[in-house]
PDB file of N, CA and C in Angstrom:
ATOM      1  N   MET A   1      13.171  46.554  -0.617  1.00  0.00           N
ATOM      2  CA  MET A   1      12.016  44.828  -2.057  1.00  0.00           C
ATOM      3  C   MET A   1      13.229  43.885  -1.819  1.00  0.00           C
ATOM      4  N   ASN A   2      14.484  44.066  -2.156  1.00  0.00           N
ATOM      5  CA  ASN A   2      14.875  42.065  -2.670  1.00  0.00           C
ATOM      6  C   ASN A   2      14.516  41.488  -1.289  1.00  0.00           C
ATOM      7  N   THR A   3      14.727  42.471   0.124  1.00  0.00           N
ATOM      8  CA  THR A   3      14.638  41.668   1.386  1.00  0.00           C
ATOM      9  C   THR A   3      13.089  40.676   1.426  1.00  0.00           C
ATOM     10  N   ILE A   4      12.014  41.803   1.038  1.00  0.00           N
ATOM     11  CA  ILE A   4      10.335  41.591   0.641  1.00  0.00           C
ATOM     12  C   ILE A   4      10.473  39.781   0.273  1.00  0.00           C
ATOM     13  N   PHE A   5      11.273  40.332  -1.406  1.00  0.00           N
ATOM     14  CA  PHE A   5      11.544  39.102  -2.486  1.00  0.00           C
ATOM     15  C   PHE A   5      11.199  37.656  -1.840  1.00  0.00           C
ATOM     16  N   GLN A   6      12.847  37.749  -0.614  1.00  0.00           N
ATOM     17  CA  GLN A   6      13.444  37.271  -0.761  1.00  0.00           C
ATOM     18  C   GLN A   6      12.362  35.759   0.722  1.00  0.00           C
ATOM     19  N   VAL A   7      11.807  37.421   1.571  1.00  0.00           N
ATOM     20  CA  VAL A   7      10.710  36.720   2.416  1.00  0.00           C
ATOM     21  C   VAL A   7       9.421  35.996   1.633  1.00  0.00           C
ATOM     22  N   SER A   8       8.895  36.371   1.248  1.00  0.00           N
ATOM     23  CA  SER A   8       8.125  35.728   0.069  1.00  0.00           C
ATOM     24  C   SER A   8       8.310  34.948  -0.171  1.00  0.00           C
ATOM     25  N   PHE A   9       9.289  34.441  -1.194  1.00  0.00           N
ATOM     26  CA  PHE A   9       9.850  33.145  -1.264  1.00  0.00           C
ATOM     27  C   PHE A   9       9.935  32.106  -0.401  1.00  0.00           C
ATOM     28  N   ALA A  10      10.778  32.779   0.892  1.00  0.00           N
ATOM     29  CA  ALA A  10      10.706  31.491   2.053  1.00  0.00           C
ATOM     30  C   ALA A  10       9.734  30.785   2.604  1.00  0.00           C
ATOM     31  N   VAL A  11       9.212  31.600   3.040  1.00  0.00           N
ATOM     32  CA  VAL A  11       7.122  31.227   3.430  1.00  0.00           C
ATOM     33  C   VAL A  11       6.984  30.326   2.385  1.00  0.00           C
ATOM     34  N   ILE A  12       6.288  30.680   0.855  1.00  0.00           N
ATOM     35  CA  ILE A  12       5.565  30.143  -0.184  1.00  0.00           C
ATOM     36  C   ILE A  12       6.441  28.903  -0.226  1.00  0.00           C
ATOM     37  N   GLY A  13       7.953  28.736  -0.321  1.00  0.00           N
ATOM     38  CA  GLY A  13       8.986  27.089  -0.481  1.00  0.00           C
ATOM     39  C   GLY A  13       8.422  26.781   0.764  1.00  0.00           C
ATOM     40  N   SER A  14       8.652  26.906   1.837  1.00  0.00           N
ATOM     41  CA  SER A  14       8.076  26.283   3.791  1.00  0.00           C
ATOM     42  C   SER A  14       6.632  26.075   3.320  1.00  0.00           C
ATOM     43  N   VAL A  15       5.355  26.689   2.914  1.00  0.00           N
ATOM     44  CA  VAL A  15       4.921  26.381   2.910  1.00  0.00           C
ATOM     45  C   VAL A  15       4.357  24.979   1.715  1.00  0.00           C
ATOM     46  N   GLY A  16       4.901  25.202   0.487  1.00  0.00           N
ATOM     47  CA  GLY A  16       5.102  23.659  -0.338  1.00  0.00           C
ATOM     48  C   GLY A  16       5.207  22.808   0.410  1.00  0.00           C
ATOM     49  N   GLY A  17       6.224  22.803   0.931  1.00  0.00           N
ATOM     50  CA  GLY A  17       7.065  21.882   1.453  1.00  0.00           C
ATOM     51  C   GLY A  17       6.476  21.586   2.460  1.00  0.00           C
ATOM     52  N   ALA A  18       5.515  21.816   3.215  1.00  0.00           N
ATOM     53  CA  ALA A  18       4.860  20.919   4.080  1.00  0.00           C
ATOM     54  C   ALA A  18       3.559  20.410   3.313  1.00  0.00           C
ATOM     55  N   ALA A  19       3.195  21.146   2.093  1.00  0.00           N
ATOM     56  CA  ALA A  19       1.610  20.679   1.572  1.00  0.00           C
ATOM     57  C   ALA A  19       2.952  19.293   0.693  1.00  0.00           C
ATOM     58  N   VAL A  20       4.158  19.335   0.465  1.00  0.00           N
ATOM     59  CA  VAL A  20       4.364  17.251  -0.057  1.00  0.00           C
ATOM     60  C   VAL A  20       4.145  16.693   1.395  1.00  0.00           C
ATOM     61  N   ILE A  21       4.594  17.073   2.254  1.00  0.00           N
ATOM     62  CA  ILE A  21       4.927  16.063   3.550  1.00  0.00           C
ATOM     63  C   ILE A  21       3.588  15.988   3.595  1.00  0.00           C
ATOM     64  N   ILE A  22       2.006  16.688   4.134  1.00  0.00           N
ATOM     65  CA  ILE A  22       0.700  16.396   3.879  1.00  0.00           C
ATOM     66  C   ILE A  22       0.293  15.420   2.798  1.00  0.00           C
ATOM     67  N   ALA A  23       0.811  15.376   1.653  1.00  0.00           N
ATOM     68  CA  ALA A  23       0.395  14.640   0.443  1.00  0.00           C
ATOM     69  C   ALA A  23       1.008  13.373   0.565  1.00  0.00           C
ATOM     70  N   GLY A  24       2.120  13.578   1.256  1.00  0.00           N
ATOM     71  CA  GLY A  24       2.928  11.639   0.491  1.00  0.00           C
ATOM     72  C   GLY A  24       1.965  11.548   1.942  1.00  0.00           C
ATOM     73  N   LEU A  25       1.830  11.777   3.137  1.00  0.00           N
ATOM     74  CA  LEU A  25       1.393  11.134   4.335  1.00  0.00           C
ATOM     75  C   LEU A  25      -0.342  11.308   3.886  1.00  0.00           C
ATOM     76  N   SER A  26      -1.344  11.658   3.479  1.00  0.00           N
ATOM     77  CA  SER A  26      -2.163  11.015   3.398  1.00  0.00           C
ATOM     78  C   SER A  26      -2.115  10.377   2.551  1.00  0.00           C
ATOM     79  N   ASN A  27      -1.229  10.309   1.329  1.00  0.00           N
ATOM     80  CA  ASN A  27      -0.997   8.927   0.370  1.00  0.00           C
ATOM     81  C   ASN A  27      -1.530   7.604   1.001  1.00  0.00           C
ATOM     82  N   TRP A  28       0.344   7.178   1.791  1.00  0.00           N
ATOM     83  CA  TRP A  28       0.264   6.313   2.437  1.00  0.00           C
ATOM     84  C   TRP A  28      -0.682   5.921   3.389  1.00  0.00           C
ATOM     85  N   LEU A  29      -1.190   7.200   4.020  1.00  0.00           N
ATOM     86  CA  LEU A  29      -2.655   6.000   4.938  1.00  0.00           C
ATOM     87  C   LEU A  29      -3.759   5.647   4.043  1.00  0.00           C
ATOM     88  N   GLY A  30      -3.936   6.230   3.130  1.00  0.00           N
ATOM     89  CA  GLY A  30      -4.911   6.239   2.439  1.00  0.00           C
ATOM     90  C   GLY A  30      -4.770   4.720   1.477  1.00  0.00           C
ATOM     91  N   LYS A  31      -3.275   4.808   1.722  1.00  0.00           N
ATOM     92  CA  LYS A  31      -3.529   2.963   0.693  1.00  0.00           C
ATOM     93  C   LYS A  31      -3.375   2.336   2.186  1.00  0.00           C
ATOM     94  N   VAL A  32      -2.896   2.140   3.326  1.00  0.00           N
ATOM     95  CA  VAL A  32      -2.730   1.790   4.631  1.00  0.00           C
ATOM     96  C   VAL A  32      -4.748   1.270   4.444  1.00  0.00           C
ATOM     97  N   TRP A  33      -4.769   2.100   4.525  1.00  0.00           N
ATOM     98  CA  TRP A  33      -6.873   2.362   5.217  1.00  0.00           C
ATOM     99  C   TRP A  33      -7.628   1.205   3.834  1.00  0.00           C
ATOM    100  N   ALA A  34      -6.915   1.472   2.118  1.00  0.00           N
ATOM    101  CA  ALA A  34      -7.829   0.982   1.426  1.00  0.00           C
ATOM    102  C   ALA A  34      -7.336  -1.049   2.217  1.00  0.00           C
ATOM    103  N   GLU A  35      -6.231  -0.976   2.295  1.00  0.00           N
ATOM    104  CA  GLU A  35      -5.514  -2.435   2.257  1.00  0.00           C
ATOM    105  C   GLU A  35      -6.371  -2.876   3.252  1.00  0.00           C
ATOM    106  N   ARG A  36      -6.322  -2.382   4.240  1.00  0.00           N
ATOM    107  CA  ARG A  36      -6.916  -3.183   4.982  1.00  0.00           C
ATOM    108  C   ARG A  36      -8.373  -3.162   5.340  1.00  0.00           C
ATOM    109  N   LEU A  37      -8.948  -2.202   4.227  1.00  0.00           N
ATOM    110  CA  LEU A  37     -10.885  -2.849   4.367  1.00  0.00           C
ATOM    111  C   LEU A  37     -10.712  -3.539   3.012  1.00  0.00           C
ATOM    112  N   MET A  38      -9.839  -3.550   2.537  1.00  0.00           N
ATOM    113  CA  MET A  38     -10.063  -4.961   1.294  1.00  0.00           C
ATOM    114  C   MET A  38      -9.336  -6.174   2.076  1.00  0.00           C
ATOM    115  N   ALA A  39      -8.188  -6.442   2.876  1.00  0.00           N
ATOM    116  CA  ALA A  39      -8.229  -7.624   4.040  1.00  0.00           C
ATOM    117  C   ALA A  39      -9.604  -7.426   4.081  1.00  0.00           C
ATOM    118  N   LYS A  40     -10.600  -6.671   4.902  1.00  0.00           N
ATOM    119  CA  LYS A  40     -11.403  -7.268   5.635  1.00  0.00           C
ATOM    120  C   LYS A  40     -13.029  -7.771   4.995  1.00  0.00           C
ATOM    121  N   GLU A  41     -12.509  -7.396   3.509  1.00  0.00           N
ATOM    122  CA  GLU A  41     -13.932  -7.773   2.669  1.00  0.00           C
ATOM    123  C   GLU A  41     -13.635  -9.394   2.356  1.00  0.00           C
ATOM    124  N   LYS A  42     -12.519  -9.621   2.146  1.00  0.00           N
ATOM    125  CA  LYS A  42     -11.782 -10.429   1.326  1.00  0.00           C
ATOM    126  C   LYS A  42     -11.674 -11.505   2.465  1.00  0.00           C
ATOM    127  N   ALA A  43     -11.600 -11.043   3.909  1.00  0.00           N
ATOM    128  CA  ALA A  43     -12.485 -12.363   4.999  1.00  0.00           C
ATOM    129  C   ALA A  43     -13.617 -12.516   5.138  1.00  0.00           C
ATOM    130  N   GLN A  44     -14.369 -12.095   4.697  1.00  0.00           N
ATOM    131  CA  GLN A  44     -16.072 -11.833   4.992  1.00  0.00           C
ATOM    132  C   GLN A  44     -16.284 -13.001   3.429  1.00  0.00           C
ATOM    133  N   HIS A  45     -15.702 -12.601   2.318  1.00  0.00           N
ATOM    134  CA  HIS A  45     -16.066 -12.829   1.198  1.00  0.00           C
ATOM    135  C   HIS A  45     -15.407 -14.621   1.164  1.00  0.00           C
ATOM    136  N   ASP A  46     -14.244 -15.186   2.102  1.00  0.00           N
ATOM    137  CA  ASP A  46     -14.292 -16.702   2.274  1.00  0.00           C
ATOM    138  C   ASP A  46     -14.590 -17.037   2.692  1.00  0.00           C
ATOM    139  N   ARG A  47     -15.184 -16.398   3.941  1.00  0.00           N
ATOM    140  CA  ARG A  47     -15.775 -17.200   4.774  1.00  0.00           C
ATOM    141  C   ARG A  47     -17.861 -17.757   4.384  1.00  0.00           C
ATOM    142  N   GLU A  48     -18.233 -16.430   4.026  1.00  0.00           N
ATOM    143  CA  GLU A  48     -19.317 -17.087   2.852  1.00  0.00           C
ATOM    144  C   GLU A  48     -18.950 -17.531   2.139  1.00  0.00           C
ATOM    145  N   LEU A  49     -18.188 -17.933   1.025  1.00  0.00           N
ATOM    146  CA  LEU A  49     -18.048 -18.912   0.007  1.00  0.00           C
ATOM    147  C   LEU A  49     -17.201 -20.626   0.754  1.00  0.00           C
ATOM    148  N   GLU A  50     -16.803 -20.685   1.696  1.00  0.00           N
ATOM    149  CA  GLU A  50     -16.543 -21.128   2.539  1.00  0.00           C
ATOM    150  C   GLU A  50     -17.802 -21.953   2.881  1.00  0.00           C
ATOM    151  N   SER A  51     -18.398 -21.182   3.415  1.00  0.00           N
ATOM    152  CA  SER A  51     -20.087 -22.010   3.879  1.00  0.00           C
ATOM    153  C   SER A  51     -20.922 -21.851   2.828  1.00  0.00           C
ATOM    154  N   LEU A  52     -20.812 -21.413   1.704  1.00  0.00           N
ATOM    155  CA  LEU A  52     -21.906 -22.078   0.243  1.00  0.00           C
ATOM    156  C   LEU A  52     -20.874 -23.397   0.191  1.00  0.00           C
ATOM    157  N   ARG A  53     -20.053 -23.477   0.159  1.00  0.00           N
ATOM    158  CA  ARG A  53     -19.293 -24.847   0.031  1.00  0.00           C
ATOM    159  C   ARG A  53     -19.466 -25.868   0.533  1.00  0.00           C
ATOM    160  N   SER A  54     -19.948 -25.109   2.076  1.00  0.00           N
ATOM    161  CA  SER A  54     -20.230 -26.731   3.097  1.00  0.00           C
ATOM    162  C   SER A  54     -20.853 -26.846   2.864  1.00  0.00           C
ATOM    163  N   GLU A  55     -22.386 -25.839   2.318  1.00  0.00           N
ATOM    164  CA  GLU A  55     -23.752 -26.393   2.890  1.00  0.00           C
ATOM    165  C   GLU A  55     -23.676 -27.465   1.027  1.00  0.00           C
ATOM    166  N   LEU A  56     -23.038 -27.323   0.089  1.00  0.00           N
ATOM    167  CA  LEU A  56     -23.195 -27.729  -1.560  1.00  0.00           C
ATOM    168  C   LEU A  56     -22.486 -29.451  -1.250  1.00  0.00           C
ATOM    169  N   ARG A  57     -21.173 -29.185  -0.266  1.00  0.00           N
ATOM    170  CA  ARG A  57     -20.544 -30.488   0.287  1.00  0.00           C
ATOM    171  C   ARG A  57     -22.006 -31.495   0.421  1.00  0.00           C
ATOM    172  N   ILE A  58     -22.531 -31.303   1.485  1.00  0.00           N
ATOM    173  CA  ILE A  58     -23.436 -31.868   2.890  1.00  0.00           C
ATOM    174  C   ILE A  58     -24.695 -31.928   1.606  1.00  0.00           C
ATOM    175  N   LYS A  59     -25.271 -31.443   0.990  1.00  0.00           N
ATOM    176  CA  LYS A  59     -26.340 -31.938   0.338  1.00  0.00           C
ATOM    177  C   LYS A  59     -25.733 -32.852  -1.239  1.00  0.00           C
ATOM    178  N   THR A  60     -24.556 -32.731  -1.480  1.00  0.00           N
ATOM    179  CA  THR A  60     -23.977 -33.802  -2.229  1.00  0.00           C
ATOM    180  C   THR A  60     -24.350 -34.814  -1.688  1.00  0.00           C
ATOM    181  N   GLU A  61     -23.340 -34.836  -0.326  1.00  0.00           N
ATOM    182  CA  GLU A  61     -23.690 -36.123   0.273  1.00  0.00           C
ATOM    183  C   GLU A  61     -24.841 -36.956   0.497  1.00  0.00           C
ATOM    184  N   GLN A  62     -25.644 -36.271   0.987  1.00  0.00           N
ATOM    185  CA  GLN A  62     -27.304 -36.667   1.340  1.00  0.00           C
ATOM    186  C   GLN A  62     -27.877 -37.150  -0.146  1.00  0.00           C
ATOM    187  N   GLN A  63     -27.519 -36.641  -1.276  1.00  0.00           N
ATOM    188  CA  GLN A  63     -27.982 -37.351  -2.777  1.00  0.00           C
ATOM    189  C   GLN A  63     -27.393 -38.691  -2.971  1.00  0.00           C
ATOM    190  N   ILE A  64     -25.849 -38.498  -1.995  1.00  0.00           N
ATOM    191  CA  ILE A  64     -25.592 -40.102  -2.731  1.00  0.00           C
ATOM    192  C   ILE A  64     -25.869 -41.170  -2.038  1.00  0.00           C
TER     193      ILE A  64
END
């Protein structure tokens, strides 16, 4: 009976350890993906903002 409990706890412990590792890796990967997506979105918004600034600069120069 004691052996059954030892084996059970060993199995539960190993599965729990693997779950912690998997959770940590998925958390890290999620952060990496989020940072890449944010960088991509920021670059797109920066391009659009620069385009609007350029148009505004041209219109301002035409009015002078």
